[in-house]
Amino acid sequence: AKNLIRQLKNVELIELEKEEECCGFGGTFSVKEPEISAVMVKEKIKDIESRQVDVIVSADAGCLMNISTAMQKMGSPTKPMHFYDFLASRLGL
């Protein structure tokens, strides 16, 4: 996915410092441990916002849903997009 993004014109790939850290969704984890999940997603969003990006792209639907919902609640200006939607929009599809 990153290699494809790097090939797009007028797109700068900015990687997160803690990219590999879980967003707190983890299947049923967010239901069984909502308090811990909420802390984890807030940390992920801090990392995202520290990069001052316009769009955050993920190919994982669960992560995207969790991050998107939390960002909306926090009033974040960053737009979450699924990788395929982002790619299609940049290719004019």
PDB file of N, CA and C in Angstrom:
ATOM      1  N   ALA A   1       0.819  -1.192   0.000  1.00  0.00           N
ATOM      2  CA  ALA A   1       0.000   0.000   0.000  1.00  0.00           C
ATOM      3  C   ALA A   1       0.866   1.261   0.000  1.00  0.00           C
ATOM      4  N   LYS A   2       1.906   1.270   0.822  1.00  0.00           N
ATOM      5  CA  LYS A   2       2.766   2.454   0.877  1.00  0.00           C
ATOM      6  C   LYS A   2       3.461   2.703  -0.452  1.00  0.00           C
ATOM      7  N   ASN A   3       3.890   1.629  -1.101  1.00  0.00           N
ATOM      8  CA  ASN A   3       4.554   1.787  -2.394  1.00  0.00           C
ATOM      9  C   ASN A   3       3.616   2.396  -3.427  1.00  0.00           C
ATOM     10  N   LEU A   4       2.349   2.015  -3.397  1.00  0.00           N
ATOM     11  CA  LEU A   4       1.372   2.608  -4.317  1.00  0.00           C
ATOM     12  C   LEU A   4       1.166   4.087  -4.006  1.00  0.00           C
ATOM     13  N   ILE A   5       1.057   4.424  -2.739  1.00  0.00           N
ATOM     14  CA  ILE A   5       0.873   5.828  -2.351  1.00  0.00           C
ATOM     15  C   ILE A   5       2.075   6.660  -2.786  1.00  0.00           C
ATOM     16  N   ARG A   6       3.254   6.120  -2.647  1.00  0.00           N
ATOM     17  CA  ARG A   6       4.470   6.845  -3.057  1.00  0.00           C
ATOM     18  C   ARG A   6       4.489   7.134  -4.558  1.00  0.00           C
ATOM     19  N   GLN A   7       3.789   6.337  -5.340  1.00  0.00           N
ATOM     20  CA  GLN A   7       3.757   6.518  -6.791  1.00  0.00           C
ATOM     21  C   GLN A   7       2.776   7.603  -7.239  1.00  0.00           C
ATOM     22  N   LEU A   8       1.891   8.024  -6.351  1.00  0.00           N
ATOM     23  CA  LEU A   8       0.869   9.007  -6.710  1.00  0.00           C
ATOM     24  C   LEU A   8       1.460  10.409  -6.777  1.00  0.00           C
ATOM     25  N   LYS A   9       1.011  11.157  -7.773  1.00  0.00           N
ATOM     26  CA  LYS A   9       1.454  12.542  -7.918  1.00  0.00           C
ATOM     27  C   LYS A   9       0.707  13.417  -6.920  1.00  0.00           C
ATOM     28  N   ASN A  10       1.380  14.445  -6.449  1.00  0.00           N
ATOM     29  CA  ASN A  10       0.802  15.419  -5.518  1.00  0.00           C
ATOM     30  C   ASN A  10       0.347  14.795  -4.201  1.00  0.00           C
ATOM     31  N   VAL A  11       1.000  13.711  -3.803  1.00  0.00           N
ATOM     32  CA  VAL A  11       0.690  13.059  -2.527  1.00  0.00           C
ATOM     33  C   VAL A  11       1.999  12.857  -1.772  1.00  0.00           C
ATOM     34  N   GLU A  12       2.013  13.283  -0.523  1.00  0.00           N
ATOM     35  CA  GLU A  12       3.180  13.063   0.321  1.00  0.00           C
ATOM     36  C   GLU A  12       2.809  12.038   1.387  1.00  0.00           C
ATOM     37  N   LEU A  13       3.532  10.947   1.423  1.00  0.00           N
ATOM     38  CA  LEU A  13       3.315   9.922   2.440  1.00  0.00           C
ATOM     39  C   LEU A  13       4.045  10.335   3.715  1.00  0.00           C
ATOM     40  N   ILE A  14       3.289  10.514   4.778  1.00  0.00           N
ATOM     41  CA  ILE A  14       3.860  10.861   6.079  1.00  0.00           C
ATOM     42  C   ILE A  14       3.508   9.721   7.026  1.00  0.00           C
ATOM     43  N   GLU A  15       4.516   9.013   7.476  1.00  0.00           N
ATOM     44  CA  GLU A  15       4.275   7.858   8.334  1.00  0.00           C
ATOM     45  C   GLU A  15       4.140   8.285   9.791  1.00  0.00           C
ATOM     46  N   LEU A  16       3.334   7.541  10.528  1.00  0.00           N
ATOM     47  CA  LEU A  16       3.146   7.815  11.946  1.00  0.00           C
ATOM     48  C   LEU A  16       4.350   7.324  12.737  1.00  0.00           C
ATOM     49  N   GLU A  17       4.639   8.014  13.825  1.00  0.00           N
ATOM     50  CA  GLU A  17       5.743   7.603  14.690  1.00  0.00           C
ATOM     51  C   GLU A  17       5.452   6.238  15.308  1.00  0.00           C
ATOM     52  N   LYS A  18       4.191   6.037  15.709  1.00  0.00           N
ATOM     53  CA  LYS A  18       3.796   4.787  16.366  1.00  0.00           C
ATOM     54  C   LYS A  18       2.843   4.000  15.469  1.00  0.00           C
ATOM     55  N   GLU A  19       3.221   3.896  14.223  1.00  0.00           N
ATOM     56  CA  GLU A  19       2.373   3.267  13.211  1.00  0.00           C
ATOM     57  C   GLU A  19       1.931   1.850  13.573  1.00  0.00           C
ATOM     58  N   GLU A  20       2.813   1.091  14.163  1.00  0.00           N
ATOM     59  CA  GLU A  20       2.529  -0.318  14.443  1.00  0.00           C
ATOM     60  C   GLU A  20       1.712  -0.536  15.716  1.00  0.00           C
ATOM     61  N   GLU A  21       1.501   0.516  16.501  1.00  0.00           N
ATOM     62  CA  GLU A  21       0.728   0.357  17.733  1.00  0.00           C
ATOM     63  C   GLU A  21      -0.754   0.247  17.424  1.00  0.00           C
ATOM     64  N   CYS A  22      -1.422  -0.633  18.131  1.00  0.00           N
ATOM     65  CA  CYS A  22      -2.849  -0.892  17.943  1.00  0.00           C
ATOM     66  C   CYS A  22      -3.673   0.354  18.263  1.00  0.00           C
ATOM     67  N   CYS A  23      -4.772   0.521  17.533  1.00  0.00           N
ATOM     68  CA  CYS A  23      -5.674   1.656  17.766  1.00  0.00           C
ATOM     69  C   CYS A  23      -6.686   1.355  18.869  1.00  0.00           C
ATOM     70  N   GLY A  24      -6.717   0.103  19.336  1.00  0.00           N
ATOM     71  CA  GLY A  24      -7.637  -0.250  20.410  1.00  0.00           C
ATOM     72  C   GLY A  24      -8.898  -0.952  19.956  1.00  0.00           C
ATOM     73  N   PHE A  25      -9.053  -1.172  18.655  1.00  0.00           N
ATOM     74  CA  PHE A  25     -10.258  -1.852  18.180  1.00  0.00           C
ATOM     75  C   PHE A  25     -10.137  -3.348  18.435  1.00  0.00           C
ATOM     76  N   GLY A  26      -9.231  -4.006  17.782  1.00  0.00           N
ATOM     77  CA  GLY A  26      -8.903  -5.406  18.027  1.00  0.00           C
ATOM     78  C   GLY A  26     -10.056  -6.381  18.134  1.00  0.00           C
ATOM     79  N   GLY A  27     -10.976  -6.370  17.183  1.00  0.00           N
ATOM     80  CA  GLY A  27     -12.108  -7.300  17.214  1.00  0.00           C
ATOM     81  C   GLY A  27     -13.034  -7.005  18.378  1.00  0.00           C
ATOM     82  N   THR A  28     -13.114  -7.928  19.332  1.00  0.00           N
ATOM     83  CA  THR A  28     -14.008  -7.727  20.480  1.00  0.00           C
ATOM     84  C   THR A  28     -13.336  -6.961  21.621  1.00  0.00           C
ATOM     85  N   PHE A  29     -12.052  -6.655  21.477  1.00  0.00           N
ATOM     86  CA  PHE A  29     -11.329  -5.951  22.539  1.00  0.00           C
ATOM     87  C   PHE A  29     -12.007  -4.638  22.905  1.00  0.00           C
ATOM     88  N   SER A  30     -12.432  -3.880  21.894  1.00  0.00           N
ATOM     89  CA  SER A  30     -13.047  -2.571  22.157  1.00  0.00           C
ATOM     90  C   SER A  30     -14.379  -2.694  22.892  1.00  0.00           C
ATOM     91  N   VAL A  31     -15.026  -3.856  22.777  1.00  0.00           N
ATOM     92  CA  VAL A  31     -16.290  -4.096  23.484  1.00  0.00           C
ATOM     93  C   VAL A  31     -16.006  -4.606  24.899  1.00  0.00           C
ATOM     94  N   LYS A  32     -15.045  -5.513  25.015  1.00  0.00           N
ATOM     95  CA  LYS A  32     -14.725  -6.099  26.318  1.00  0.00           C
ATOM     96  C   LYS A  32     -13.952  -5.146  27.223  1.00  0.00           C
ATOM     97  N   GLU A  33     -13.146  -4.279  26.627  1.00  0.00           N
ATOM     98  CA  GLU A  33     -12.297  -3.351  27.393  1.00  0.00           C
ATOM     99  C   GLU A  33     -12.448  -1.926  26.850  1.00  0.00           C
ATOM    100  N   PRO A  34     -13.652  -1.346  26.918  1.00  0.00           N
ATOM    101  CA  PRO A  34     -13.882  -0.036  26.291  1.00  0.00           C
ATOM    102  C   PRO A  34     -13.021   1.095  26.854  1.00  0.00           C
ATOM    103  N   GLU A  35     -12.711   1.066  28.139  1.00  0.00           N
ATOM    104  CA  GLU A  35     -11.900   2.135  28.727  1.00  0.00           C
ATOM    105  C   GLU A  35     -10.471   2.102  28.182  1.00  0.00           C
ATOM    106  N   ILE A  36      -9.902   0.914  28.132  1.00  0.00           N
ATOM    107  CA  ILE A  36      -8.539   0.762  27.604  1.00  0.00           C
ATOM    108  C   ILE A  36      -8.528   1.103  26.121  1.00  0.00           C
ATOM    109  N   SER A  37      -9.531   0.628  25.398  1.00  0.00           N
ATOM    110  CA  SER A  37      -9.646   0.910  23.971  1.00  0.00           C
ATOM    111  C   SER A  37      -9.705   2.412  23.710  1.00  0.00           C
ATOM    112  N   ALA A  38     -10.460   3.137  24.536  1.00  0.00           N
ATOM    113  CA  ALA A  38     -10.598   4.590  24.364  1.00  0.00           C
ATOM    114  C   ALA A  38      -9.259   5.299  24.556  1.00  0.00           C
ATOM    115  N   VAL A  39      -8.479   4.853  25.528  1.00  0.00           N
ATOM    116  CA  VAL A  39      -7.153   5.441  25.755  1.00  0.00           C
ATOM    117  C   VAL A  39      -6.242   5.154  24.562  1.00  0.00           C
ATOM    118  N   MET A  40      -6.302   3.923  24.060  1.00  0.00           N
ATOM    119  CA  MET A  40      -5.449   3.531  22.939  1.00  0.00           C
ATOM    120  C   MET A  40      -5.762   4.342  21.686  1.00  0.00           C
ATOM    121  N   VAL A  41      -7.037   4.529  21.377  1.00  0.00           N
ATOM    122  CA  VAL A  41      -7.389   5.271  20.166  1.00  0.00           C
ATOM    123  C   VAL A  41      -7.039   6.750  20.319  1.00  0.00           C
ATOM    124  N   LYS A  42      -7.161   7.289  21.524  1.00  0.00           N
ATOM    125  CA  LYS A  42      -6.762   8.693  21.747  1.00  0.00           C
ATOM    126  C   LYS A  42      -5.265   8.868  21.514  1.00  0.00           C
ATOM    127  N   GLU A  43      -4.468   7.897  21.940  1.00  0.00           N
ATOM    128  CA  GLU A  43      -3.021   7.952  21.699  1.00  0.00           C
ATOM    129  C   GLU A  43      -2.725   7.892  20.203  1.00  0.00           C
ATOM    130  N   LYS A  44      -3.458   7.052  19.490  1.00  0.00           N
ATOM    131  CA  LYS A  44      -3.279   6.942  18.040  1.00  0.00           C
ATOM    132  C   LYS A  44      -3.618   8.272  17.369  1.00  0.00           C
ATOM    133  N   ILE A  45      -4.691   8.904  17.812  1.00  0.00           N
ATOM    134  CA  ILE A  45      -5.111  10.181  17.226  1.00  0.00           C
ATOM    135  C   ILE A  45      -4.103  11.286  17.550  1.00  0.00           C
ATOM    136  N   LYS A  46      -3.512  11.265  18.736  1.00  0.00           N
ATOM    137  CA  LYS A  46      -2.455  12.236  19.064  1.00  0.00           C
ATOM    138  C   LYS A  46      -1.307  12.112  18.070  1.00  0.00           C
ATOM    139  N   ASP A  47      -0.938  10.875  17.762  1.00  0.00           N
ATOM    140  CA  ASP A  47       0.135  10.620  16.801  1.00  0.00           C
ATOM    141  C   ASP A  47      -0.260  11.150  15.421  1.00  0.00           C
ATOM    142  N   ILE A  48      -1.491  10.897  15.020  1.00  0.00           N
ATOM    143  CA  ILE A  48      -1.986  11.369  13.720  1.00  0.00           C
ATOM    144  C   ILE A  48      -1.953  12.894  13.670  1.00  0.00           C
ATOM    145  N   GLU A  49      -2.508  13.535  14.682  1.00  0.00           N
ATOM    146  CA  GLU A  49      -2.601  14.995  14.679  1.00  0.00           C
ATOM    147  C   GLU A  49      -1.235  15.666  14.812  1.00  0.00           C
ATOM    148  N   SER A  50      -0.276  14.996  15.427  1.00  0.00           N
ATOM    149  CA  SER A  50       1.072  15.566  15.539  1.00  0.00           C
ATOM    150  C   SER A  50       1.740  15.677  14.171  1.00  0.00           C
ATOM    151  N   ARG A  51       1.267  14.913  13.220  1.00  0.00           N
ATOM    152  CA  ARG A  51       1.820  14.933  11.857  1.00  0.00           C
ATOM    153  C   ARG A  51       1.180  16.018  10.990  1.00  0.00           C
ATOM    154  N   GLN A  52       0.107  16.619  11.470  1.00  0.00           N
ATOM    155  CA  GLN A  52      -0.602  17.689  10.759  1.00  0.00           C
ATOM    156  C   GLN A  52      -0.934  17.288   9.317  1.00  0.00           C
ATOM    157  N   VAL A  53      -1.577  16.139   9.183  1.00  0.00           N
ATOM    158  CA  VAL A  53      -1.962  15.635   7.862  1.00  0.00           C
ATOM    159  C   VAL A  53      -3.420  15.984   7.567  1.00  0.00           C
ATOM    160  N   ASP A  54      -3.749  16.043   6.284  1.00  0.00           N
ATOM    161  CA  ASP A  54      -5.129  16.307   5.869  1.00  0.00           C
ATOM    162  C   ASP A  54      -5.967  15.040   5.908  1.00  0.00           C
ATOM    163  N   VAL A  55      -5.315  13.910   5.583  1.00  0.00           N
ATOM    164  CA  VAL A  55      -6.021  12.632   5.456  1.00  0.00           C
ATOM    165  C   VAL A  55      -5.211  11.545   6.152  1.00  0.00           C
ATOM    166  N   ILE A  56      -5.910  10.660   6.866  1.00  0.00           N
ATOM    167  CA  ILE A  56      -5.280   9.463   7.413  1.00  0.00           C
ATOM    168  C   ILE A  56      -5.850   8.280   6.637  1.00  0.00           C
ATOM    169  N   VAL A  57      -4.965   7.435   6.126  1.00  0.00           N
ATOM    170  CA  VAL A  57      -5.374   6.323   5.270  1.00  0.00           C
ATOM    171  C   VAL A  57      -5.074   5.006   5.975  1.00  0.00           C
ATOM    172  N   SER A  58      -6.056   4.102   5.941  1.00  0.00           N
ATOM    173  CA  SER A  58      -5.874   2.770   6.513  1.00  0.00           C
ATOM    174  C   SER A  58      -6.565   1.746   5.623  1.00  0.00           C
ATOM    175  N   ALA A  59      -5.969   0.572   5.532  1.00  0.00           N
ATOM    176  CA  ALA A  59      -6.588  -0.518   4.779  1.00  0.00           C
ATOM    177  C   ALA A  59      -7.358  -1.452   5.704  1.00  0.00           C
ATOM    178  N   ASP A  60      -7.315  -1.195   7.002  1.00  0.00           N
ATOM    179  CA  ASP A  60      -8.014  -2.028   7.975  1.00  0.00           C
ATOM    180  C   ASP A  60      -9.337  -1.365   8.346  1.00  0.00           C
ATOM    181  N   ALA A  61     -10.436  -1.993   7.984  1.00  0.00           N
ATOM    182  CA  ALA A  61     -11.764  -1.404   8.200  1.00  0.00           C
ATOM    183  C   ALA A  61     -12.083  -1.212   9.682  1.00  0.00           C
ATOM    184  N   GLY A  62     -11.683  -2.142  10.533  1.00  0.00           N
ATOM    185  CA  GLY A  62     -11.936  -2.015  11.967  1.00  0.00           C
ATOM    186  C   GLY A  62     -11.192  -0.833  12.561  1.00  0.00           C
ATOM    187  N   CYS A  63      -9.919  -0.710  12.220  1.00  0.00           N
ATOM    188  CA  CYS A  63      -9.122   0.428  12.700  1.00  0.00           C
ATOM    189  C   CYS A  63      -9.713   1.735  12.189  1.00  0.00           C
ATOM    190  N   LEU A  64     -10.069   1.748  10.925  1.00  0.00           N
ATOM    191  CA  LEU A  64     -10.613   2.968  10.328  1.00  0.00           C
ATOM    192  C   LEU A  64     -11.905   3.389  11.015  1.00  0.00           C
ATOM    193  N   MET A  65     -12.768   2.428  11.308  1.00  0.00           N
ATOM    194  CA  MET A  65     -14.026   2.731  11.987  1.00  0.00           C
ATOM    195  C   MET A  65     -13.756   3.285  13.388  1.00  0.00           C
ATOM    196  N   ASN A  66     -12.856   2.654  14.119  1.00  0.00           N
ATOM    197  CA  ASN A  66     -12.533   3.085  15.475  1.00  0.00           C
ATOM    198  C   ASN A  66     -11.906   4.480  15.483  1.00  0.00           C
ATOM    199  N   ILE A  67     -10.932   4.692  14.628  1.00  0.00           N
ATOM    200  CA  ILE A  67     -10.251   5.984  14.548  1.00  0.00           C
ATOM    201  C   ILE A  67     -11.207   7.065  14.065  1.00  0.00           C
ATOM    202  N   SER A  68     -11.993   6.759  13.049  1.00  0.00           N
ATOM    203  CA  SER A  68     -12.937   7.726  12.486  1.00  0.00           C
ATOM    204  C   SER A  68     -13.960   8.187  13.518  1.00  0.00           C
ATOM    205  N   THR A  69     -14.531   7.241  14.252  1.00  0.00           N
ATOM    206  CA  THR A  69     -15.530   7.571  15.276  1.00  0.00           C
ATOM    207  C   THR A  69     -14.915   8.442  16.368  1.00  0.00           C
ATOM    208  N   ALA A  70     -13.733   8.068  16.828  1.00  0.00           N
ATOM    209  CA  ALA A  70     -13.068   8.840  17.885  1.00  0.00           C
ATOM    210  C   ALA A  70     -12.673  10.227  17.389  1.00  0.00           C
ATOM    211  N   MET A  71     -12.198  10.320  16.157  1.00  0.00           N
ATOM    212  CA  MET A  71     -11.812  11.622  15.604  1.00  0.00           C
ATOM    213  C   MET A  71     -13.023  12.543  15.492  1.00  0.00           C
ATOM    214  N   GLN A  72     -14.132  11.965  15.093  1.00  0.00           N
ATOM    215  CA  GLN A  72     -15.364  12.741  14.974  1.00  0.00           C
ATOM    216  C   GLN A  72     -15.777  13.290  16.344  1.00  0.00           C
ATOM    217  N   LYS A  73     -15.728  12.440  17.369  1.00  0.00           N
ATOM    218  CA  LYS A  73     -16.083  12.860  18.730  1.00  0.00           C
ATOM    219  C   LYS A  73     -15.141  13.944  19.249  1.00  0.00           C
ATOM    220  N   MET A  74     -13.878  13.870  18.842  1.00  0.00           N
ATOM    221  CA  MET A  74     -12.874  14.826  19.304  1.00  0.00           C
ATOM    222  C   MET A  74     -12.842  16.098  18.456  1.00  0.00           C
ATOM    223  N   GLY A  75     -13.601  16.106  17.365  1.00  0.00           N
ATOM    224  CA  GLY A  75     -13.624  17.273  16.487  1.00  0.00           C
ATOM    225  C   GLY A  75     -12.353  17.449  15.675  1.00  0.00           C
ATOM    226  N   SER A  76     -11.700  16.350  15.359  1.00  0.00           N
ATOM    227  CA  SER A  76     -10.452  16.406  14.597  1.00  0.00           C
ATOM    228  C   SER A  76     -10.717  16.826  13.152  1.00  0.00           C
ATOM    229  N   PRO A  77      -9.868  17.688  12.596  1.00  0.00           N
ATOM    230  CA  PRO A  77     -10.043  18.118  11.207  1.00  0.00           C
ATOM    231  C   PRO A  77      -9.516  17.110  10.179  1.00  0.00           C
ATOM    232  N   THR A  78      -8.776  16.103  10.632  1.00  0.00           N
ATOM    233  CA  THR A  78      -8.195  15.120   9.720  1.00  0.00           C
ATOM    234  C   THR A  78      -9.277  14.193   9.182  1.00  0.00           C
ATOM    235  N   LYS A  79      -9.225  13.940   7.878  1.00  0.00           N
ATOM    236  CA  LYS A  79     -10.232  13.096   7.229  1.00  0.00           C
ATOM    237  C   LYS A  79      -9.734  11.650   7.153  1.00  0.00           C
ATOM    238  N   PRO A  80     -10.444  10.713   7.774  1.00  0.00           N
ATOM    239  CA  PRO A  80     -10.070   9.305   7.649  1.00  0.00           C
ATOM    240  C   PRO A  80     -10.618   8.716   6.342  1.00  0.00           C
ATOM    241  N   MET A  81      -9.786   7.944   5.639  1.00  0.00           N
ATOM    242  CA  MET A  81     -10.217   7.312   4.388  1.00  0.00           C
ATOM    243  C   MET A  81      -9.668   5.895   4.300  1.00  0.00           C
ATOM    244  N   HIS A  82     -10.475   5.009   3.733  1.00  0.00           N
ATOM    245  CA  HIS A  82      -9.991   3.661   3.458  1.00  0.00           C
ATOM    246  C   HIS A  82      -8.992   3.754   2.308  1.00  0.00           C
ATOM    247  N   PHE A  83      -7.984   2.912   2.339  1.00  0.00           N
ATOM    248  CA  PHE A  83      -6.936   2.925   1.323  1.00  0.00           C
ATOM    249  C   PHE A  83      -7.506   2.881  -0.095  1.00  0.00           C
ATOM    250  N   TYR A  84      -8.482   2.000  -0.332  1.00  0.00           N
ATOM    251  CA  TYR A  84      -9.022   1.861  -1.685  1.00  0.00           C
ATOM    252  C   TYR A  84      -9.785   3.108  -2.122  1.00  0.00           C
ATOM    253  N   ASP A  85     -10.516   3.731  -1.201  1.00  0.00           N
ATOM    254  CA  ASP A  85     -11.220   4.976  -1.522  1.00  0.00           C
ATOM    255  C   ASP A  85     -10.225   6.096  -1.821  1.00  0.00           C
ATOM    256  N   PHE A  86      -9.165   6.163  -1.028  1.00  0.00           N
ATOM    257  CA  PHE A  86      -8.134   7.177  -1.248  1.00  0.00           C
ATOM    258  C   PHE A  86      -7.481   6.979  -2.608  1.00  0.00           C
ATOM    259  N   LEU A  87      -7.101   5.752  -2.894  1.00  0.00           N
ATOM    260  CA  LEU A  87      -6.452   5.439  -4.164  1.00  0.00           C
ATOM    261  C   LEU A  87      -7.367   5.770  -5.338  1.00  0.00           C
ATOM    262  N   ALA A  88      -8.622   5.366  -5.254  1.00  0.00           N
ATOM    263  CA  ALA A  88      -9.585   5.651  -6.326  1.00  0.00           C
ATOM    264  C   ALA A  88      -9.764   7.154  -6.516  1.00  0.00           C
ATOM    265  N   SER A  89      -9.840   7.902  -5.420  1.00  0.00           N
ATOM    266  CA  SER A  89     -10.030   9.354  -5.534  1.00  0.00           C
ATOM    267  C   SER A  89      -8.820  10.020  -6.176  1.00  0.00           C
ATOM    268  N   ARG A  90      -7.633   9.555  -5.857  1.00  0.00           N
ATOM    269  CA  ARG A  90      -6.411  10.145  -6.424  1.00  0.00           C
ATOM    270  C   ARG A  90      -6.219   9.762  -7.884  1.00  0.00           C
ATOM    271  N   LEU A  91      -6.798   8.631  -8.286  1.00  0.00           N
ATOM    272  CA  LEU A  91      -6.686   8.185  -9.678  1.00  0.00           C
ATOM    273  C   LEU A  91      -7.863   8.649 -10.525  1.00  0.00           C
ATOM    274  N   GLY A  92      -8.790   9.378  -9.904  1.00  0.00           N
ATOM    275  CA  GLY A  92      -9.941   9.901 -10.637  1.00  0.00           C
ATOM    276  C   GLY A  92     -10.968   8.843 -10.996  1.00  0.00           C
ATOM    277  N   LEU A  93     -11.064   7.804 -10.198  1.00  0.00           N
ATOM    278  CA  LEU A  93     -12.019   6.717 -10.473  1.00  0.00           C
ATOM    279  C   LEU A  93     -13.307   6.894  -9.698  1.00  0.00           C
TER     280      LEU A  93
END
